C-alpha atoms as a PDB file:
ATOM      1  CA  MET A   1      16.386  -5.779 -21.680  1.00  0.00           C
ATOM      2  CA  SER A   2      14.022  -2.947 -21.089  1.00  0.00           C
ATOM      3  CA  SER A   3      14.834   0.116 -19.189  1.00  0.00           C
ATOM      4  CA  ILE A   4      13.331   3.320 -17.855  1.00  0.00           C
ATOM      5  CA  LYS A   5      14.390   6.214 -20.309  1.00  0.00           C
ATOM      6  CA  ASN A   6      13.012   9.072 -18.066  1.00  0.00           C
ATOM      7  CA  ASN A   7      13.350   7.788 -14.468  1.00  0.00           C
ATOM      8  CA  ILE A   8      12.192  10.313 -11.904  1.00  0.00           C
ATOM      9  CA  LYS A   9      14.889  11.816  -9.711  1.00  0.00           C
ATOM     10  CA  LEU A  10      12.480  13.136  -7.072  1.00  0.00           C
ATOM     11  CA  ASN A  11      15.088  14.151  -4.694  1.00  0.00           C
ATOM     12  CA  GLU A  12      16.348  16.670  -7.257  1.00  0.00           C
ATOM     13  CA  ILE A  13      12.733  18.397  -7.728  1.00  0.00           C
ATOM     14  CA  ASN A  14      11.976  21.518  -5.742  1.00  0.00           C
ATOM     15  CA  ILE A  15       8.646  21.123  -4.377  1.00  0.00           C
ATOM     16  CA  ASP A  16       6.316  23.416  -2.275  1.00  0.00           C
ATOM     17  CA  ILE A  17       5.090  20.945   0.155  1.00  0.00           C
ATOM     18  CA  GLU A  18       2.526  23.421   1.373  1.00  0.00           C
ATOM     19  CA  SER A  19       0.742  23.821  -1.873  1.00  0.00           C
ATOM     20  CA  LEU A  20       0.304  19.981  -1.812  1.00  0.00           C
ATOM     21  CA  LEU A  21      -1.758  19.987   1.382  1.00  0.00           C
ATOM     22  CA  GLU A  22      -5.595  19.901   1.481  1.00  0.00           C
ATOM     23  CA  GLU A  23      -7.629  22.832   3.036  1.00  0.00           C
ATOM     24  CA  ASP A  24      -7.991  22.584   6.813  1.00  0.00           C
ATOM     25  CA  SER A  25     -11.646  21.595   6.416  1.00  0.00           C
ATOM     26  CA  TYR A  26     -10.405  18.332   4.702  1.00  0.00           C
ATOM     27  CA  TYR A  27      -8.495  17.359   7.694  1.00  0.00           C
ATOM     28  CA  HIS A  28     -11.288  18.306  10.063  1.00  0.00           C
ATOM     29  CA  TYR A  29     -13.681  16.183   8.130  1.00  0.00           C
ATOM     30  CA  HIS A  30     -11.433  13.094   8.463  1.00  0.00           C
ATOM     31  CA  ALA A  31     -10.342  13.711  12.049  1.00  0.00           C
ATOM     32  CA  LEU A  32     -10.682  10.770  14.422  1.00  0.00           C
ATOM     33  CA  SER A  33     -11.377  10.896  18.026  1.00  0.00           C
ATOM     34  CA  LEU A  34      -7.634   9.869  18.710  1.00  0.00           C
ATOM     35  CA  LYS A  35      -6.252  11.860  15.966  1.00  0.00           C
ATOM     36  CA  PRO A  36      -7.036  15.674  15.561  1.00  0.00           C
ATOM     37  CA  ALA A  37      -7.110  17.505  12.347  1.00  0.00           C
ATOM     38  CA  SER A  38      -3.792  19.003  13.092  1.00  0.00           C
ATOM     39  CA  VAL A  39      -2.126  15.814  13.601  1.00  0.00           C
ATOM     40  CA  LEU A  40      -3.458  14.447  10.383  1.00  0.00           C
ATOM     41  CA  LYS A  41      -2.311  17.447   8.520  1.00  0.00           C
ATOM     42  CA  GLN A  42       1.167  17.146  10.096  1.00  0.00           C
ATOM     43  CA  GLU A  43       1.226  13.571   9.269  1.00  0.00           C
ATOM     44  CA  HIS A  44       0.419  14.209   5.586  1.00  0.00           C
ATOM     45  CA  ARG A  45       2.995  17.029   5.436  1.00  0.00           C
ATOM     46  CA  LYS A  46       5.634  14.496   6.722  1.00  0.00           C
ATOM     47  CA  GLN A  47       4.720  11.790   4.254  1.00  0.00           C
ATOM     48  CA  LEU A  48       4.817  14.277   1.408  1.00  0.00           C
ATOM     49  CA  THR A  49       8.218  15.681   2.786  1.00  0.00           C
ATOM     50  CA  GLU A  50       9.703  12.196   3.180  1.00  0.00           C
ATOM     51  CA  PHE A  51       8.524  11.106  -0.113  1.00  0.00           C
ATOM     52  CA  PHE A  52      10.023  13.802  -2.047  1.00  0.00           C
ATOM     53  CA  GLU A  53      13.369  13.948  -0.164  1.00  0.00           C
ATOM     54  CA  MET A  54      13.127   9.981  -0.742  1.00  0.00           C
ATOM     55  CA  LYS A  55      14.832   9.484   2.560  1.00  0.00           C
ATOM     56  CA  GLN A  56      14.395   5.758   3.023  1.00  0.00           C
ATOM     57  CA  LEU A  57      12.097   4.938   0.250  1.00  0.00           C
ATOM     58  CA  ARG A  58      14.232   5.866  -2.845  1.00  0.00           C
ATOM     59  CA  LEU A  59      16.258   2.517  -3.303  1.00  0.00           C
ATOM     60  CA  GLN A  60      12.961   0.548  -2.834  1.00  0.00           C
ATOM     61  CA  ILE A  61      11.044   2.907  -5.432  1.00  0.00           C
ATOM     62  CA  GLU A  62      13.904   2.617  -7.821  1.00  0.00           C
ATOM     63  CA  ASN A  63      14.224  -1.118  -7.366  1.00  0.00           C
ATOM     64  CA  ALA A  64      10.452  -1.373  -7.970  1.00  0.00           C
ATOM     65  CA  GLN A  65      10.421   0.585 -11.244  1.00  0.00           C
ATOM     66  CA  ASN A  66      13.192  -1.425 -12.556  1.00  0.00           C
ATOM     67  CA  LEU A  67      11.657  -4.721 -11.572  1.00  0.00           C
ATOM     68  CA  ILE A  68       8.352  -3.798 -13.221  1.00  0.00           C
ATOM     69  CA  ILE A  69      10.041  -2.618 -16.460  1.00  0.00           C
ATOM     70  CA  THR A  70      12.479  -5.618 -16.617  1.00  0.00           C
ATOM     71  CA  GLN A  71      10.109  -8.514 -15.467  1.00  0.00           C
ATOM     72  CA  LEU A  72       6.874  -7.584 -16.698  1.00  0.00           C
ATOM     73  CA  PRO A  73       7.500  -8.337 -20.403  1.00  0.00           C
ATOM     74  CA  GLY A  74       7.311 -11.917 -19.446  1.00  0.00           C
ATOM     75  CA  CYS A  75       3.910 -11.677 -17.657  1.00  0.00           C
ATOM     76  CA  VAL A  76       1.904  -9.554 -20.254  1.00  0.00           C
ATOM     77  CA  SER A  77       1.334  -9.162 -23.882  1.00  0.00           C
ATOM     78  CA  ARG A  78       3.543  -7.048 -25.827  1.00  0.00           C
ATOM     79  CA  GLU A  79       0.993  -4.713 -26.475  1.00  0.00           C
ATOM     80  CA  ILE A  80       0.089  -4.262 -22.771  1.00  0.00           C
ATOM     81  CA  PHE A  81       3.849  -4.000 -21.950  1.00  0.00           C
ATOM     82  CA  SER A  82       4.155  -1.184 -24.686  1.00  0.00           C
ATOM     83  CA  THR A  83       1.526   0.825 -22.928  1.00  0.00           C
ATOM     84  CA  ILE A  84       2.948   0.391 -19.555  1.00  0.00           C
ATOM     85  CA  GLN A  85       6.471   1.588 -20.685  1.00  0.00           C
ATOM     86  CA  GLN A  86       5.138   4.453 -22.212  1.00  0.00           C
ATOM     87  CA  GLU A  87       3.622   5.416 -18.936  1.00  0.00           C
ATOM     88  CA  PHE A  88       7.033   4.875 -17.137  1.00  0.00           C
ATOM     89  CA  ASP A  89       8.992   6.648 -19.702  1.00  0.00           C
ATOM     90  CA  GLN A  90       6.476   9.847 -19.575  1.00  0.00           C
ATOM     91  CA  CYS A  91       5.967   9.912 -15.871  1.00  0.00           C
ATOM     92  CA  ALA A  92       8.565  12.730 -15.112  1.00  0.00           C
ATOM     93  CA  ASP A  93       7.068  14.964 -17.870  1.00  0.00           C
ATOM     94  CA  HIS A  94       3.559  14.115 -16.499  1.00  0.00           C
ATOM     95  CA  PHE A  95       4.730  14.882 -13.107  1.00  0.00           C
ATOM     96  CA  SER A  96       6.277  18.276 -13.874  1.00  0.00           C
ATOM     97  CA  ILE A  97       3.041  19.153 -15.875  1.00  0.00           C
ATOM     98  CA  PHE A  98       0.949  18.288 -12.973  1.00  0.00           C
ATOM     99  CA  ILE A  99       2.828  20.124 -10.298  1.00  0.00           C
ATOM    100  CA  LYS A 100       2.641  23.329 -12.417  1.00  0.00           C
ATOM    101  CA  SER A 101      -1.063  23.051 -12.466  1.00  0.00           C
ATOM    102  CA  ILE A 102      -1.604  22.690  -8.967  1.00  0.00           C
ATOM    103  CA  ALA A 103      -0.970  26.314  -7.769  1.00  0.00           C
ATOM    104  CA  GLU A 104      -3.559  27.261 -10.762  1.00  0.00           C
ATOM    105  CA  ALA A 105      -6.572  25.159  -9.624  1.00  0.00           C
ATOM    106  CA  LYS A 106      -6.097  23.307  -6.238  1.00  0.00           C
ATOM    107  CA  SER A 107      -8.536  20.721  -5.938  1.00  0.00           C
ATOM    108  CA  HIS A 108     -10.430  19.802  -2.752  1.00  0.00           C
ATOM    109  CA  LYS A 109      -9.903  16.157  -3.067  1.00  0.00           C
ATOM    110  CA  PRO A 110      -6.942  14.179  -1.912  1.00  0.00           C
ATOM    111  CA  ILE A 111      -4.237  13.922  -4.580  1.00  0.00           C
ATOM    112  CA  LEU A 112      -2.712  10.654  -5.324  1.00  0.00           C
ATOM    113  CA  PHE A 113       0.879  10.151  -6.218  1.00  0.00           C
ATOM    114  CA  GLN A 114      -0.709   7.797  -8.941  1.00  0.00           C
ATOM    115  CA  GLU A 115      -2.553  10.898 -10.616  1.00  0.00           C
ATOM    116  CA  MET A 116       0.724  13.044 -10.396  1.00  0.00           C
ATOM    117  CA  PHE A 117       2.702  10.524 -12.405  1.00  0.00           C
ATOM    118  CA  GLY A 118       0.056   9.601 -14.752  1.00  0.00           C
ATOM    119  CA  TYR A 119      -0.040   5.789 -13.930  1.00  0.00           C
ATOM    120  CA  SER A 120      -3.253   3.875 -15.046  1.00  0.00           C
ATOM    121  CA  ASP A 121      -5.127   1.441 -12.911  1.00  0.00           C
ATOM    122  CA  GLU A 122      -4.107  -1.150 -15.149  1.00  0.00           C
ATOM    123  CA  THR A 123      -0.441  -0.611 -14.828  1.00  0.00           C
ATOM    124  CA  LEU A 124      -0.822  -0.704 -10.866  1.00  0.00           C
ATOM    125  CA  LEU A 125      -2.819  -4.043 -11.254  1.00  0.00           C
ATOM    126  CA  HIS A 126      -0.293  -5.631 -13.544  1.00  0.00           C
ATOM    127  CA  SER A 127       2.474  -4.424 -11.099  1.00  0.00           C
ATOM    128  CA  TYR A 128       0.472  -6.126  -8.389  1.00  0.00           C
ATOM    129  CA  ASP A 129       0.329  -9.291 -10.169  1.00  0.00           C
ATOM    130  CA  LEU A 130       4.053  -9.140 -10.713  1.00  0.00           C
ATOM    131  CA  ALA A 131       4.432  -8.675  -6.938  1.00  0.00           C
ATOM    132  CA  SER A 132       2.221 -11.584  -6.256  1.00  0.00           C
ATOM    133  CA  LYS A 133       4.227 -13.878  -8.567  1.00  0.00           C
ATOM    134  CA  LEU A 134       7.498 -12.796  -6.777  1.00  0.00           C
ATOM    135  CA  VAL A 135       5.828 -13.665  -3.493  1.00  0.00           C
ATOM    136  CA  GLU A 136       4.940 -17.076  -4.893  1.00  0.00           C
ATOM    137  CA  LYS A 137       8.741 -17.437  -5.803  1.00  0.00           C
ATOM    138  CA  LYS A 138       9.568 -16.410  -2.226  1.00  0.00           C
ATOM    139  CA  ASN A 139      11.332 -13.399  -3.492  1.00  0.00           C
ATOM    140  CA  TYR A 140       9.874 -11.353  -0.697  1.00  0.00           C
ATOM    141  CA  ASP A 141      12.467  -8.269  -0.622  1.00  0.00           C
ATOM    142  CA  ASP A 142      11.711  -7.351  -4.415  1.00  0.00           C
ATOM    143  CA  ALA A 143       8.097  -8.192  -3.859  1.00  0.00           C
ATOM    144  CA  ASN A 144       7.860  -5.928  -0.909  1.00  0.00           C
ATOM    145  CA  ASP A 145       9.521  -3.017  -2.838  1.00  0.00           C
ATOM    146  CA  ILE A 146       6.738  -3.379  -5.556  1.00  0.00           C
ATOM    147  CA  PHE A 147       4.117  -3.157  -2.701  1.00  0.00           C
ATOM    148  CA  VAL A 148       5.668  -0.208  -1.113  1.00  0.00           C
ATOM    149  CA  PHE A 149       5.611   1.501  -4.638  1.00  0.00           C
ATOM    150  CA  LEU A 150       1.871   0.597  -4.946  1.00  0.00           C
ATOM    151  CA  THR A 151       0.955   1.799  -1.620  1.00  0.00           C
ATOM    152  CA  ILE A 152       2.651   5.117  -2.283  1.00  0.00           C
ATOM    153  CA  LEU A 153       0.861   5.602  -5.696  1.00  0.00           C
ATOM    154  CA  ALA A 154      -2.546   4.331  -4.499  1.00  0.00           C
ATOM    155  CA  PRO A 155      -2.629   4.373  -0.559  1.00  0.00           C
ATOM    156  CA  HIS A 156      -6.563   3.860  -0.760  1.00  0.00           C
ATOM    157  CA  VAL A 157      -6.187   0.286  -2.038  1.00  0.00           C
ATOM    158  CA  SER A 158      -6.172  -2.084   0.779  1.00  0.00           C
ATOM    159  CA  GLY A 159      -4.938  -5.044  -1.215  1.00  0.00           C
ATOM    160  CA  TYR A 160      -1.657  -3.371  -1.721  1.00  0.00           C
ATOM    161  CA  TRP A 161      -1.053  -2.937   2.144  1.00  0.00           C
ATOM    162  CA  ILE A 162      -2.106  -6.604   2.611  1.00  0.00           C
ATOM    163  CA  GLY A 163       0.452  -7.622  -0.055  1.00  0.00           C
ATOM    164  CA  GLN A 164       3.158  -5.458   1.873  1.00  0.00           C
ATOM    165  CA  GLY A 165       2.282  -6.946   5.263  1.00  0.00           C
ATOM    166  CA  VAL A 166       2.503 -10.361   3.853  1.00  0.00           C
ATOM    167  CA  CYS A 167       6.200  -9.715   2.483  1.00  0.00           C
ATOM    168  CA  LEU A 168       6.962  -8.239   5.950  1.00  0.00           C
ATOM    169  CA  GLN A 169       5.790 -11.261   7.551  1.00  0.00           C
ATOM    170  CA  ALA A 170       7.879 -13.490   5.506  1.00  0.00           C
ATOM    171  CA  LEU A 171      10.846 -11.310   6.269  1.00  0.00           C
ATOM    172  CA  ASP A 172      10.200 -11.712   9.981  1.00  0.00           C
ATOM    173  CA  LYS A 173       9.272  -8.329  10.306  1.00  0.00           C
ATOM    174  CA  HIS A 174       6.080  -8.710  12.270  1.00  0.00           C
ATOM    175  CA  ILE A 175       5.726  -5.383  14.196  1.00  0.00           C
ATOM    176  CA  GLU A 176       5.874  -3.544  10.945  1.00  0.00           C
ATOM    177  CA  ALA A 177       3.581  -6.007   9.369  1.00  0.00           C
ATOM    178  CA  LEU A 178       0.992  -5.266  12.146  1.00  0.00           C
ATOM    179  CA  MET A 179       1.211  -1.442  11.387  1.00  0.00           C
ATOM    180  CA  VAL A 180       0.478  -2.168   7.615  1.00  0.00           C
ATOM    181  CA  PHE A 181      -2.427  -4.688   8.416  1.00  0.00           C
ATOM    182  CA  LYS A 182      -3.887  -1.902  10.691  1.00  0.00           C
ATOM    183  CA  VAL A 183      -3.937   0.340   7.610  1.00  0.00           C
ATOM    184  CA  ALA A 184      -5.661  -2.288   5.471  1.00  0.00           C
ATOM    185  CA  LYS A 185      -7.985  -3.027   8.210  1.00  0.00           C
ATOM    186  CA  TYR A 186      -8.878   0.674   8.455  1.00  0.00           C
ATOM    187  CA  LEU A 187      -9.366   0.852   4.588  1.00  0.00           C
ATOM    188  CA  ASN A 188     -11.761  -2.138   4.167  1.00  0.00           C
ATOM    189  CA  PRO A 189     -13.080  -2.986   7.683  1.00  0.00           C
ATOM    190  CA  ASN A 190     -15.206  -5.878   6.079  1.00  0.00           C
ATOM    191  CA  ASP A 191     -12.173  -7.708   4.693  1.00  0.00           C
ATOM    192  CA  PRO A 192     -11.492 -10.563   7.226  1.00  0.00           C
ATOM    193  CA  PHE A 193      -7.862 -11.286   6.096  1.00  0.00           C
ATOM    194  CA  PRO A 194      -6.076  -8.285   7.634  1.00  0.00           C
ATOM    195  CA  ALA A 195      -7.273  -9.392  10.862  1.00  0.00           C
ATOM    196  CA  ALA A 196      -6.334 -13.026  10.359  1.00  0.00           C
ATOM    197  CA  TYR A 197      -2.841 -12.121   9.259  1.00  0.00           C
ATOM    198  CA  SER A 198      -2.633  -9.796  12.408  1.00  0.00           C
ATOM    199  CA  ILE A 199      -3.251 -12.856  14.704  1.00  0.00           C
ATOM    200  CA  GLU A 200      -0.610 -14.766  12.820  1.00  0.00           C
ATOM    201  CA  SER A 201       1.858 -11.984  13.698  1.00  0.00           C
ATOM    202  CA  TYR A 202       0.684 -11.529  17.214  1.00  0.00           C
ATOM    203  CA  THR A 203       1.040 -15.383  17.776  1.00  0.00           C
ATOM    204  CA  HIS A 204       4.478 -15.332  16.074  1.00  0.00           C
ATOM    205  CA  LEU A 205       5.595 -12.465  18.757  1.00  0.00           C
ATOM    206  CA  ARG A 206       4.081 -14.738  21.417  1.00  0.00           C
ATOM    207  CA  ASP A 207       1.665 -11.720  22.180  1.00  0.00           C
ATOM    208  CA  PHE A 208      -1.200 -14.216  22.785  1.00  0.00           C
ATOM    209  CA  THR A 209      -3.198 -11.539  24.715  1.00  0.00           C
ATOM    210  CA  SER A 210      -3.497  -9.145  21.659  1.00  0.00           C
ATOM    211  CA  ALA A 211      -4.087 -12.377  19.291  1.00  0.00           C
ATOM    212  CA  HIS A 212      -6.974 -13.295  21.586  1.00  0.00           C
ATOM    213  CA  GLN A 213      -8.139  -9.912  21.346  1.00  0.00           C
ATOM    214  CA  GLU A 214      -8.126  -9.684  17.661  1.00  0.00           C
ATOM    215  CA  GLU A 215      -9.794 -12.831  17.585  1.00  0.00           C
ATOM    216  CA  VAL A 216     -12.837 -11.634  19.757  1.00  0.00           C
ATOM    217  CA  LYS A 217     -12.856  -8.221  17.841  1.00  0.00           C
ATOM    218  CA  SER A 218     -12.867  -9.688  14.296  1.00  0.00           C
ATOM    219  CA  LEU A 219     -15.622 -12.238  15.323  1.00  0.00           C
ATOM    220  CA  GLN A 220     -17.868  -9.342  16.680  1.00  0.00           C
ATOM    221  CA  GLU A 221     -17.025  -6.835  13.894  1.00  0.00           C
ATOM    222  CA  ILE A 222     -16.434  -8.924  10.889  1.00  0.00           C
ATOM    223  CA  VAL A 223     -17.348 -12.488  11.125  1.00  0.00           C
ATOM    224  CA  ASN A 224     -20.878 -12.142  12.239  1.00  0.00           C
ATOM    225  CA  ASN A 225     -21.448 -10.459   8.753  1.00  0.00           C
ATOM    226  CA  LEU A 226     -20.114 -13.351   6.619  1.00  0.00           C
ATOM    227  CA  THR A 227     -22.273 -16.137   5.160  1.00  0.00           C
ATOM    228  CA  HIS A 228     -22.194 -19.558   6.773  1.00  0.00           C
ATOM    229  CA  GLU A 229     -19.448 -20.830   4.323  1.00  0.00           C
ATOM    230  CA  GLU A 230     -17.543 -17.688   4.516  1.00  0.00           C
ATOM    231  CA  LYS A 231     -17.587 -18.084   8.418  1.00  0.00           C
ATOM    232  CA  LYS A 232     -16.468 -21.666   8.205  1.00  0.00           C
ATOM    233  CA  GLN A 233     -13.535 -20.802   6.055  1.00  0.00           C
ATOM    234  CA  TRP A 234     -12.632 -17.833   8.371  1.00  0.00           C
ATOM    235  CA  LYS A 235     -12.568 -20.303  11.253  1.00  0.00           C
ATOM    236  CA  LYS A 236     -10.338 -22.577   9.401  1.00  0.00           C
ATOM    237  CA  ASN A 237      -7.952 -19.830   8.491  1.00  0.00           C
ATOM    238  CA  ILE A 238      -7.717 -18.872  12.148  1.00  0.00           C
ATOM    239  CA  LYS A 239      -6.943 -22.488  13.302  1.00  0.00           C
ATOM    240  CA  LYS A 240      -4.126 -22.547  10.622  1.00  0.00           C
ATOM    241  CA  PHE A 241      -2.796 -19.395  12.013  1.00  0.00           C
ATOM    242  CA  THR A 242      -2.903 -19.886  15.685  1.00  0.00           C
ATOM    243  CA  GLY A 243      -2.921 -23.754  16.046  1.00  0.00           C
ATOM    244  CA  ARG A 244      -6.287 -23.728  17.772  1.00  0.00           C
ATOM    245  CA  PRO A 245     -10.021 -23.035  16.976  1.00  0.00           C
ATOM    246  CA  LEU A 246     -11.569 -19.749  17.122  1.00  0.00           C
ATOM    247  CA  HIS A 247     -13.200 -18.936  20.307  1.00  0.00           C
ATOM    248  CA  LYS A 248     -17.157 -19.208  20.362  1.00  0.00           C
END
């Protein structure tokens, strides 16, 4: 059985969180009407702190790493897995080098944990495929851990958030799922599926008012931009989730 030779002990690494934050201009640029720049910066600081202290995420991430290394060999070729395992084996060394370089040349662009640890897009996609297979097998706990791992490494990819939300729904954690789907909608406003899944969770919680509001909002902001065939499929999805047709 494969294993991670050089697993990261993030809780043992001393990190200057302030050195990882962006310039104030970055937060002002991304500030929202309901969320000022100071709040965005504080949230980013909190996210970084919690990540490196690994308060609630440590076990999930360690489980995700072990799942990927032990189960991916049955899903990809030997050559592909060899490359993936090499990235995992070298991620701690890559992380240390990356952190040392931050103080010397700070970038004005957002720093992704994927970049810190040296994981390729291909490795994340193969990990996503593994998580999807676990969902098909109804192993939602392990699949959720991998999706959490992916959203931390590449939080800009809406599909990773959708996958996590689907797992949370299956685990009957609909309030948490709604929060995750909200992130996915923010990242990709034209994707109708986060809204559809949100309607499903609202309906499960018997919050029919919010479900209806989500329907109307999605119809106005998303569905009218779809093709005729896409709109028909969207309405079928809504009926499947809510048990009733989409409002006209």
